[in-house]
Amino acid sequence: MRFAPFSFALAFVLGSAAVRAEDAASLFDRRSARSAPQEVRGVFGPGSENLRYDARMLRAAAIAQARAHRETTWLCWRYVKDALLAAGVTSSRPKTTWAREAGDELTRYFGFKKLRETDPRKAPVGAVIVYDGEDGGHVEIRTPEGYVSDFVSPTPYPRPVLGIYVKPV
């Protein structure tokens, strides 16, 4: 079944054991984090056995996917903010207006960590990907099947990536 790995993977989300979030707004719970089981490592990619996962980021991806439209409504950051809050990833709703400002706010106030990776196709499942643009930019969450914000897409958004963000340990 196509969605079985994703539904099983909802119990986990990326956070690197080597990195600590010093931000008091971080809601990561070290006691509930655990290694990914063998069954979902194919979804999470190589090296996932060395990482610890927080279920809220995958819940955010699932919430965003359930609420997404077939085509863009041009409200990507609003949908991602709502999904992060509904999943308990953020302690309050992010306040920035533009999608391109999402990474700065997520790292500054909510304990996210910017990854060195800049290829959205290599982003871990549950990561928030922020794109630049002359307008407000774009933001989306990586899912096993693709990317989701206000709409679902099997391919990453065709803009320069400003950053890929995860909720670290």
C-alpha atoms as a PDB file:
ATOM      1  CA  MET A   1       0.000   0.000   0.000  1.00  0.00           C
ATOM      2  CA  ARG A   2       1.403   3.399  -1.036  1.00  0.00           C
ATOM      3  CA  PHE A   3       0.604   5.293   2.194  1.00  0.00           C
ATOM      4  CA  ALA A   4       1.509   2.540   4.675  1.00  0.00           C
ATOM      5  CA  PRO A   5       5.103   3.756   5.263  1.00  0.00           C
ATOM      6  CA  PHE A   6       3.869   7.320   5.846  1.00  0.00           C
ATOM      7  CA  SER A   7       1.156   6.331   8.300  1.00  0.00           C
ATOM      8  CA  PHE A   8       3.599   4.099  10.172  1.00  0.00           C
ATOM      9  CA  ALA A   9       6.207   6.857  10.076  1.00  0.00           C
ATOM     10  CA  LEU A  10       3.826   9.269  11.806  1.00  0.00           C
ATOM     11  CA  ALA A  11       5.277   8.047  15.082  1.00  0.00           C
ATOM     12  CA  PHE A  12       8.633   9.684  14.322  1.00  0.00           C
ATOM     13  CA  VAL A  13      10.305  12.947  13.216  1.00  0.00           C
ATOM     14  CA  LEU A  14      13.808  14.233  12.696  1.00  0.00           C
ATOM     15  CA  GLY A  15      16.003  15.689  15.386  1.00  0.00           C
ATOM     16  CA  SER A  16      19.763  15.237  15.534  1.00  0.00           C
ATOM     17  CA  ALA A  17      21.107  13.769  18.777  1.00  0.00           C
ATOM     18  CA  ALA A  18      24.294  15.789  18.321  1.00  0.00           C
ATOM     19  CA  VAL A  19      22.521  19.176  18.350  1.00  0.00           C
ATOM     20  CA  ARG A  20      20.729  20.861  21.274  1.00  0.00           C
ATOM     21  CA  ALA A  21      18.056  23.527  21.023  1.00  0.00           C
ATOM     22  CA  GLU A  22      18.936  26.176  23.589  1.00  0.00           C
ATOM     23  CA  ASP A  23      15.803  28.160  22.859  1.00  0.00           C
ATOM     24  CA  ALA A  24      13.322  27.997  25.746  1.00  0.00           C
ATOM     25  CA  ALA A  25      10.444  27.919  23.218  1.00  0.00           C
ATOM     26  CA  SER A  26      11.569  24.519  21.942  1.00  0.00           C
ATOM     27  CA  LEU A  27       8.979  21.887  22.788  1.00  0.00           C
ATOM     28  CA  PHE A  28      11.164  18.885  21.965  1.00  0.00           C
ATOM     29  CA  ASP A  29      10.705  16.142  24.562  1.00  0.00           C
ATOM     30  CA  ARG A  30      13.891  14.081  24.856  1.00  0.00           C
ATOM     31  CA  ARG A  31      12.030  11.319  26.764  1.00  0.00           C
ATOM     32  CA  SER A  32       9.663  10.634  23.855  1.00  0.00           C
ATOM     33  CA  ALA A  33      12.326  10.782  21.135  1.00  0.00           C
ATOM     34  CA  ARG A  34      13.627   7.492  19.832  1.00  0.00           C
ATOM     35  CA  SER A  35      15.480   5.912  16.935  1.00  0.00           C
ATOM     36  CA  ALA A  36      13.577   5.110  13.786  1.00  0.00           C
ATOM     37  CA  PRO A  37      12.682   1.430  13.466  1.00  0.00           C
ATOM     38  CA  GLN A  38      14.027  -0.574  10.557  1.00  0.00           C
ATOM     39  CA  GLU A  39      10.643  -0.480   8.757  1.00  0.00           C
ATOM     40  CA  VAL A  40      10.748   3.296   8.165  1.00  0.00           C
ATOM     41  CA  ARG A  41      14.449   3.910   7.613  1.00  0.00           C
ATOM     42  CA  GLY A  42      13.896   3.678   3.870  1.00  0.00           C
ATOM     43  CA  VAL A  43      11.510   6.628   4.144  1.00  0.00           C
ATOM     44  CA  PHE A  44      13.913   8.652   6.296  1.00  0.00           C
ATOM     45  CA  GLY A  45      17.044   7.845   4.308  1.00  0.00           C
ATOM     46  CA  PRO A  46      20.622   6.777   5.049  1.00  0.00           C
ATOM     47  CA  GLY A  47      21.939   7.594   8.491  1.00  0.00           C
ATOM     48  CA  SER A  48      18.492   7.691  10.078  1.00  0.00           C
ATOM     49  CA  GLU A  49      19.440   4.975  12.560  1.00  0.00           C
ATOM     50  CA  ASN A  50      21.773   7.525  14.208  1.00  0.00           C
ATOM     51  CA  LEU A  51      19.046  10.161  14.609  1.00  0.00           C
ATOM     52  CA  ARG A  52      16.283  10.627  17.152  1.00  0.00           C
ATOM     53  CA  TYR A  53      12.776  11.514  16.048  1.00  0.00           C
ATOM     54  CA  ASP A  54      10.005  13.711  17.456  1.00  0.00           C
ATOM     55  CA  ALA A  55       6.501  12.690  16.368  1.00  0.00           C
ATOM     56  CA  ARG A  56       5.142  16.246  16.222  1.00  0.00           C
ATOM     57  CA  MET A  57       6.905  17.206  12.982  1.00  0.00           C
ATOM     58  CA  LEU A  58       5.403  14.276  11.104  1.00  0.00           C
ATOM     59  CA  ARG A  59       2.019  15.072  12.625  1.00  0.00           C
ATOM     60  CA  ALA A  60       2.457  18.612  11.264  1.00  0.00           C
ATOM     61  CA  ALA A  61       3.149  17.171   7.798  1.00  0.00           C
ATOM     62  CA  ALA A  62       0.082  14.930   8.052  1.00  0.00           C
ATOM     63  CA  ILE A  63      -2.112  17.828   9.239  1.00  0.00           C
ATOM     64  CA  ALA A  64      -0.895  20.067   6.418  1.00  0.00           C
ATOM     65  CA  GLN A  65      -1.485  17.296   3.887  1.00  0.00           C
ATOM     66  CA  ALA A  66      -5.028  16.695   5.158  1.00  0.00           C
ATOM     67  CA  ARG A  67      -5.850  20.413   4.894  1.00  0.00           C
ATOM     68  CA  ALA A  68      -4.104  21.074   1.575  1.00  0.00           C
ATOM     69  CA  HIS A  69      -5.824  21.956  -1.698  1.00  0.00           C
ATOM     70  CA  ARG A  70      -5.149  20.616  -5.189  1.00  0.00           C
ATOM     71  CA  GLU A  71      -3.755  23.960  -6.319  1.00  0.00           C
ATOM     72  CA  THR A  72      -2.093  26.809  -4.496  1.00  0.00           C
ATOM     73  CA  THR A  73      -4.166  29.349  -2.603  1.00  0.00           C
ATOM     74  CA  TRP A  74      -1.043  31.550  -2.207  1.00  0.00           C
ATOM     75  CA  LEU A  75      -1.312  31.082   1.563  1.00  0.00           C
ATOM     76  CA  CYS A  76       1.513  28.539   2.082  1.00  0.00           C
ATOM     77  CA  TRP A  77       2.975  30.075   5.253  1.00  0.00           C
ATOM     78  CA  ARG A  78      -0.476  30.355   6.835  1.00  0.00           C
ATOM     79  CA  TYR A  79      -1.120  26.640   6.248  1.00  0.00           C
ATOM     80  CA  VAL A  80       2.320  25.593   7.508  1.00  0.00           C
ATOM     81  CA  LYS A  81       1.990  27.826  10.617  1.00  0.00           C
ATOM     82  CA  ASP A  82      -1.413  26.295  11.390  1.00  0.00           C
ATOM     83  CA  ALA A  83      -0.065  22.751  10.948  1.00  0.00           C
ATOM     84  CA  LEU A  84       2.959  23.407  13.196  1.00  0.00           C
ATOM     85  CA  LEU A  85       0.737  24.855  15.910  1.00  0.00           C
ATOM     86  CA  ALA A  86      -1.916  22.114  15.628  1.00  0.00           C
ATOM     87  CA  ALA A  87       0.765  19.420  15.928  1.00  0.00           C
ATOM     88  CA  GLY A  88       2.267  21.083  19.004  1.00  0.00           C
ATOM     89  CA  VAL A  89       5.582  21.835  17.293  1.00  0.00           C
ATOM     90  CA  THR A  90       5.350  25.524  18.161  1.00  0.00           C
ATOM     91  CA  SER A  91       4.129  26.897  21.479  1.00  0.00           C
ATOM     92  CA  SER A  92       2.280  29.720  19.695  1.00  0.00           C
ATOM     93  CA  ARG A  93       1.398  30.616  16.122  1.00  0.00           C
ATOM     94  CA  PRO A  94       4.383  32.167  14.288  1.00  0.00           C
ATOM     95  CA  LYS A  95       3.827  35.875  13.623  1.00  0.00           C
ATOM     96  CA  THR A  96       5.893  36.696  10.532  1.00  0.00           C
ATOM     97  CA  THR A  97       3.960  37.647   7.418  1.00  0.00           C
ATOM     98  CA  TRP A  98       6.172  36.393   4.601  1.00  0.00           C
ATOM     99  CA  ALA A  99       7.088  32.780   3.927  1.00  0.00           C
ATOM    100  CA  ARG A 100      10.707  33.751   3.248  1.00  0.00           C
ATOM    101  CA  GLU A 101      10.913  34.950   6.903  1.00  0.00           C
ATOM    102  CA  ALA A 102       9.844  31.561   8.278  1.00  0.00           C
ATOM    103  CA  GLY A 103      13.325  30.120   8.822  1.00  0.00           C
ATOM    104  CA  ASP A 104      14.533  33.056  10.874  1.00  0.00           C
ATOM    105  CA  GLU A 105      11.455  32.984  13.098  1.00  0.00           C
ATOM    106  CA  LEU A 106      11.497  29.199  13.523  1.00  0.00           C
ATOM    107  CA  THR A 107      15.152  29.211  14.604  1.00  0.00           C
ATOM    108  CA  ARG A 108      14.941  32.334  16.753  1.00  0.00           C
ATOM    109  CA  TYR A 109      11.724  31.608  18.668  1.00  0.00           C
ATOM    110  CA  PHE A 110      10.823  27.931  18.299  1.00  0.00           C
ATOM    111  CA  GLY A 111      14.080  25.978  18.609  1.00  0.00           C
ATOM    112  CA  PHE A 112      14.466  24.857  14.988  1.00  0.00           C
ATOM    113  CA  LYS A 113      17.886  24.194  13.486  1.00  0.00           C
ATOM    114  CA  LYS A 114      18.925  25.033   9.925  1.00  0.00           C
ATOM    115  CA  LEU A 115      20.503  22.077   8.136  1.00  0.00           C
ATOM    116  CA  ARG A 116      23.535  22.400   5.881  1.00  0.00           C
ATOM    117  CA  GLU A 117      21.632  20.594   3.127  1.00  0.00           C
ATOM    118  CA  THR A 118      20.133  22.878   0.469  1.00  0.00           C
ATOM    119  CA  ASP A 119      18.608  20.313  -1.898  1.00  0.00           C
ATOM    120  CA  PRO A 120      14.904  19.946  -1.018  1.00  0.00           C
ATOM    121  CA  ARG A 121      14.901  16.438  -2.530  1.00  0.00           C
ATOM    122  CA  LYS A 122      17.367  15.431   0.214  1.00  0.00           C
ATOM    123  CA  ALA A 123      15.406  17.087   3.028  1.00  0.00           C
ATOM    124  CA  PRO A 124      14.329  14.663   5.750  1.00  0.00           C
ATOM    125  CA  VAL A 125      10.658  13.830   6.099  1.00  0.00           C
ATOM    126  CA  GLY A 126       9.012  16.433   8.343  1.00  0.00           C
ATOM    127  CA  ALA A 127      11.521  19.198   7.560  1.00  0.00           C
ATOM    128  CA  VAL A 128      10.311  22.735   6.839  1.00  0.00           C
ATOM    129  CA  ILE A 129      11.763  24.062   3.564  1.00  0.00           C
ATOM    130  CA  VAL A 130      11.892  27.831   3.020  1.00  0.00           C
ATOM    131  CA  TYR A 131      12.259  29.363  -0.455  1.00  0.00           C
ATOM    132  CA  ASP A 132      13.151  32.867  -1.626  1.00  0.00           C
ATOM    133  CA  GLY A 133      11.253  34.913  -4.163  1.00  0.00           C
ATOM    134  CA  GLU A 134      10.470  38.476  -5.219  1.00  0.00           C
ATOM    135  CA  ASP A 135       7.059  38.066  -3.641  1.00  0.00           C
ATOM    136  CA  GLY A 136       6.726  36.626  -0.123  1.00  0.00           C
ATOM    137  CA  GLY A 137       8.677  33.464  -0.903  1.00  0.00           C
ATOM    138  CA  HIS A 138       7.351  29.959  -0.286  1.00  0.00           C
ATOM    139  CA  VAL A 139       7.438  27.435   2.559  1.00  0.00           C
ATOM    140  CA  GLU A 140       6.512  23.753   2.639  1.00  0.00           C
ATOM    141  CA  ILE A 141       6.910  20.595   4.708  1.00  0.00           C
ATOM    142  CA  ARG A 142       8.631  17.487   3.306  1.00  0.00           C
ATOM    143  CA  THR A 143       6.484  14.337   3.239  1.00  0.00           C
ATOM    144  CA  PRO A 144       7.367  10.803   2.119  1.00  0.00           C
ATOM    145  CA  GLU A 145       5.444  11.401  -1.117  1.00  0.00           C
ATOM    146  CA  GLY A 146       6.626  14.964  -1.795  1.00  0.00           C
ATOM    147  CA  TYR A 147       5.909  18.403  -0.341  1.00  0.00           C
ATOM    148  CA  VAL A 148       2.919  20.103   1.280  1.00  0.00           C
ATOM    149  CA  SER A 149       1.884  23.611   2.287  1.00  0.00           C
ATOM    150  CA  ASP A 150      -1.457  25.001   1.121  1.00  0.00           C
ATOM    151  CA  PHE A 151      -1.279  22.444  -1.702  1.00  0.00           C
ATOM    152  CA  VAL A 152       0.378  19.059  -2.262  1.00  0.00           C
ATOM    153  CA  SER A 153       3.151  18.600  -4.810  1.00  0.00           C
ATOM    154  CA  PRO A 154       5.281  15.585  -5.744  1.00  0.00           C
ATOM    155  CA  THR A 155       8.187  17.925  -6.591  1.00  0.00           C
ATOM    156  CA  PRO A 156       9.907  20.742  -4.692  1.00  0.00           C
ATOM    157  CA  TYR A 157       8.950  24.338  -5.419  1.00  0.00           C
ATOM    158  CA  PRO A 158      11.046  25.778  -8.316  1.00  0.00           C
ATOM    159  CA  ARG A 159      12.753  28.596  -6.384  1.00  0.00           C
ATOM    160  CA  PRO A 160      16.074  29.105  -4.600  1.00  0.00           C
ATOM    161  CA  VAL A 161      16.131  27.436  -1.178  1.00  0.00           C
ATOM    162  CA  LEU A 162      16.862  29.745   1.751  1.00  0.00           C
ATOM    163  CA  GLY A 163      17.051  26.863   4.199  1.00  0.00           C
ATOM    164  CA  ILE A 164      15.845  23.489   5.420  1.00  0.00           C
ATOM    165  CA  TYR A 165      14.817  23.409   9.085  1.00  0.00           C
ATOM    166  CA  VAL A 166      14.206  20.644  11.624  1.00  0.00           C
ATOM    167  CA  LYS A 167      13.292  20.548  15.297  1.00  0.00           C
ATOM    168  CA  PRO A 168      16.481  19.258  16.977  1.00  0.00           C
ATOM    169  CA  VAL A 169      17.065  17.487  20.269  1.00  0.00           C
END
